[in-house]
C-alpha atoms as a PDB file:
ATOM      1  CA  UNK A   1     -21.121  19.622 -56.642  1.00  0.00           C
ATOM      2  CA  UNK A   2     -19.137  22.696 -56.378  1.00  0.00           C
ATOM      3  CA  UNK A   3     -15.447  22.581 -55.723  1.00  0.00           C
ATOM      4  CA  UNK A   4     -14.089  24.599 -52.932  1.00  0.00           C
ATOM      5  CA  UNK A   5     -11.293  26.995 -54.073  1.00  0.00           C
ATOM      6  CA  UNK A   6      -8.415  28.389 -52.008  1.00  0.00           C
ATOM      7  CA  UNK A   7      -7.959  32.250 -51.805  1.00  0.00           C
ATOM      8  CA  UNK A   8      -5.601  32.370 -54.634  1.00  0.00           C
ATOM      9  CA  UNK A   9      -7.764  30.152 -56.932  1.00  0.00           C
ATOM     10  CA  UNK A  10     -10.557  32.280 -56.213  1.00  0.00           C
ATOM     11  CA  UNK A  11      -9.047  35.501 -57.154  1.00  0.00           C
ATOM     12  CA  UNK A  12      -7.780  34.027 -60.245  1.00  0.00           C
ATOM     13  CA  UNK A  13     -11.180  32.862 -61.338  1.00  0.00           C
ATOM     14  CA  UNK A  14     -12.583  36.136 -60.227  1.00  0.00           C
ATOM     15  CA  UNK A  15     -10.292  37.890 -62.746  1.00  0.00           C
ATOM     16  CA  UNK A  16     -10.837  35.717 -65.369  1.00  0.00           C
ATOM     17  CA  UNK A  17     -14.501  36.041 -65.065  1.00  0.00           C
ATOM     18  CA  UNK A  18     -14.104  39.906 -65.140  1.00  0.00           C
ATOM     19  CA  UNK A  19     -12.027  39.762 -68.190  1.00  0.00           C
ATOM     20  CA  UNK A  20      -9.003  41.489 -66.338  1.00  0.00           C
ATOM     21  CA  UNK A  21      -6.331  38.913 -67.164  1.00  0.00           C
ATOM     22  CA  UNK A  22      -3.651  40.009 -69.353  1.00  0.00           C
ATOM     23  CA  UNK A  23      -1.523  37.823 -71.902  1.00  0.00           C
ATOM     24  CA  UNK A  24       1.859  37.004 -70.683  1.00  0.00           C
ATOM     25  CA  UNK A  25       4.801  38.548 -72.870  1.00  0.00           C
ATOM     26  CA  UNK A  26       7.104  35.990 -74.381  1.00  0.00           C
ATOM     27  CA  UNK A  27       4.747  33.155 -73.573  1.00  0.00           C
ATOM     28  CA  UNK A  28       6.896  30.406 -75.322  1.00  0.00           C
ATOM     29  CA  UNK A  29       9.794  31.456 -72.907  1.00  0.00           C
ATOM     30  CA  UNK A  30       7.785  31.490 -69.847  1.00  0.00           C
ATOM     31  CA  UNK A  31       6.294  27.962 -70.514  1.00  0.00           C
ATOM     32  CA  UNK A  32       9.643  26.718 -71.169  1.00  0.00           C
ATOM     33  CA  UNK A  33      11.010  28.044 -67.825  1.00  0.00           C
ATOM     34  CA  UNK A  34       8.087  26.743 -65.971  1.00  0.00           C
ATOM     35  CA  UNK A  35       8.552  23.211 -67.383  1.00  0.00           C
ATOM     36  CA  UNK A  36      12.099  23.387 -66.576  1.00  0.00           C
ATOM     37  CA  UNK A  37      11.312  24.478 -62.780  1.00  0.00           C
ATOM     38  CA  UNK A  38       8.956  21.662 -62.631  1.00  0.00           C
ATOM     39  CA  UNK A  39      11.377  19.134 -64.167  1.00  0.00           C
ATOM     40  CA  UNK A  40      13.895  20.101 -61.647  1.00  0.00           C
ATOM     41  CA  UNK A  41      11.448  20.184 -58.692  1.00  0.00           C
ATOM     42  CA  UNK A  42      11.131  16.405 -58.824  1.00  0.00           C
ATOM     43  CA  UNK A  43      14.526  15.511 -60.528  1.00  0.00           C
ATOM     44  CA  UNK A  44      16.322  13.405 -58.068  1.00  0.00           C
ATOM     45  CA  UNK A  45      19.752  13.235 -59.151  1.00  0.00           C
ATOM     46  CA  UNK A  46      21.726  12.795 -55.826  1.00  0.00           C
ATOM     47  CA  UNK A  47      22.126   9.598 -54.125  1.00  0.00           C
ATOM     48  CA  UNK A  48      22.982   9.316 -50.410  1.00  0.00           C
ATOM     49  CA  UNK A  49      23.826   6.266 -48.089  1.00  0.00           C
ATOM     50  CA  UNK A  50      21.793   6.634 -44.968  1.00  0.00           C
ATOM     51  CA  UNK A  51      22.426   4.523 -41.845  1.00  0.00           C
ATOM     52  CA  UNK A  52      19.263   3.745 -39.830  1.00  0.00           C
ATOM     53  CA  UNK A  53      18.388   1.663 -36.745  1.00  0.00           C
ATOM     54  CA  UNK A  54      16.728  -1.734 -37.744  1.00  0.00           C
ATOM     55  CA  UNK A  55      13.519  -0.531 -35.833  1.00  0.00           C
ATOM     56  CA  UNK A  56      13.482   2.855 -37.903  1.00  0.00           C
ATOM     57  CA  UNK A  57      14.272   0.809 -41.078  1.00  0.00           C
ATOM     58  CA  UNK A  58      11.304  -1.711 -40.579  1.00  0.00           C
ATOM     59  CA  UNK A  59       8.948   1.216 -39.494  1.00  0.00           C
ATOM     60  CA  UNK A  60       9.686   3.015 -42.776  1.00  0.00           C
ATOM     61  CA  UNK A  61       8.989  -0.109 -44.755  1.00  0.00           C
ATOM     62  CA  UNK A  62       5.817  -0.682 -42.930  1.00  0.00           C
ATOM     63  CA  UNK A  63       4.684   3.067 -43.359  1.00  0.00           C
ATOM     64  CA  UNK A  64       5.566   2.977 -46.913  1.00  0.00           C
ATOM     65  CA  UNK A  65       3.531  -0.208 -47.471  1.00  0.00           C
ATOM     66  CA  UNK A  66       0.507   1.483 -45.847  1.00  0.00           C
ATOM     67  CA  UNK A  67       0.816   4.746 -48.033  1.00  0.00           C
ATOM     68  CA  UNK A  68       1.302   2.623 -51.091  1.00  0.00           C
ATOM     69  CA  UNK A  69       4.609   4.119 -51.838  1.00  0.00           C
ATOM     70  CA  UNK A  70       8.293   2.589 -51.721  1.00  0.00           C
ATOM     71  CA  UNK A  71      10.143   3.483 -48.384  1.00  0.00           C
ATOM     72  CA  UNK A  72      12.728   5.429 -50.154  1.00  0.00           C
ATOM     73  CA  UNK A  73      10.105   7.773 -51.643  1.00  0.00           C
ATOM     74  CA  UNK A  74       8.541   8.013 -48.166  1.00  0.00           C
ATOM     75  CA  UNK A  75      11.848   8.903 -46.669  1.00  0.00           C
ATOM     76  CA  UNK A  76      12.591  11.426 -49.322  1.00  0.00           C
ATOM     77  CA  UNK A  77       9.373  12.960 -48.933  1.00  0.00           C
ATOM     78  CA  UNK A  78       9.923  13.465 -44.966  1.00  0.00           C
ATOM     79  CA  UNK A  79      13.433  14.981 -45.468  1.00  0.00           C
ATOM     80  CA  UNK A  80      11.949  17.395 -48.186  1.00  0.00           C
ATOM     81  CA  UNK A  81       9.100  18.409 -45.975  1.00  0.00           C
ATOM     82  CA  UNK A  82      11.290  18.995 -42.940  1.00  0.00           C
ATOM     83  CA  UNK A  83      13.579  21.064 -44.907  1.00  0.00           C
ATOM     84  CA  UNK A  84      10.895  23.098 -46.419  1.00  0.00           C
ATOM     85  CA  UNK A  85       9.509  23.883 -42.976  1.00  0.00           C
ATOM     86  CA  UNK A  86       6.491  21.878 -43.446  1.00  0.00           C
ATOM     87  CA  UNK A  87       7.372  19.565 -40.491  1.00  0.00           C
ATOM     88  CA  UNK A  88       8.650  20.854 -37.431  1.00  0.00           C
ATOM     89  CA  UNK A  89      10.213  19.390 -34.364  1.00  0.00           C
ATOM     90  CA  UNK A  90       8.222  19.274 -31.180  1.00  0.00           C
ATOM     91  CA  UNK A  91      10.273  19.796 -28.031  1.00  0.00           C
ATOM     92  CA  UNK A  92       9.126  18.315 -24.698  1.00  0.00           C
END
């Protein structure tokens, strides 16, 4: 079974197969920077208090259970996706 690659992945594979990839200068430094960026991406170091209606709180709990994640993680994910522009408001 073949995996479907997105455009970027296919370009990387093509470059690898052609042998046109070049080594990164300062590999250790670049790896350290990438690891730090990855760590910071998921580093939740700020706490907030958020007041919700009883209905929204209950729905967040239910949806979290359906998704198999804690409701706090669900709400954090929703906020992150909205701020990153991956969730948009539909005005009626």
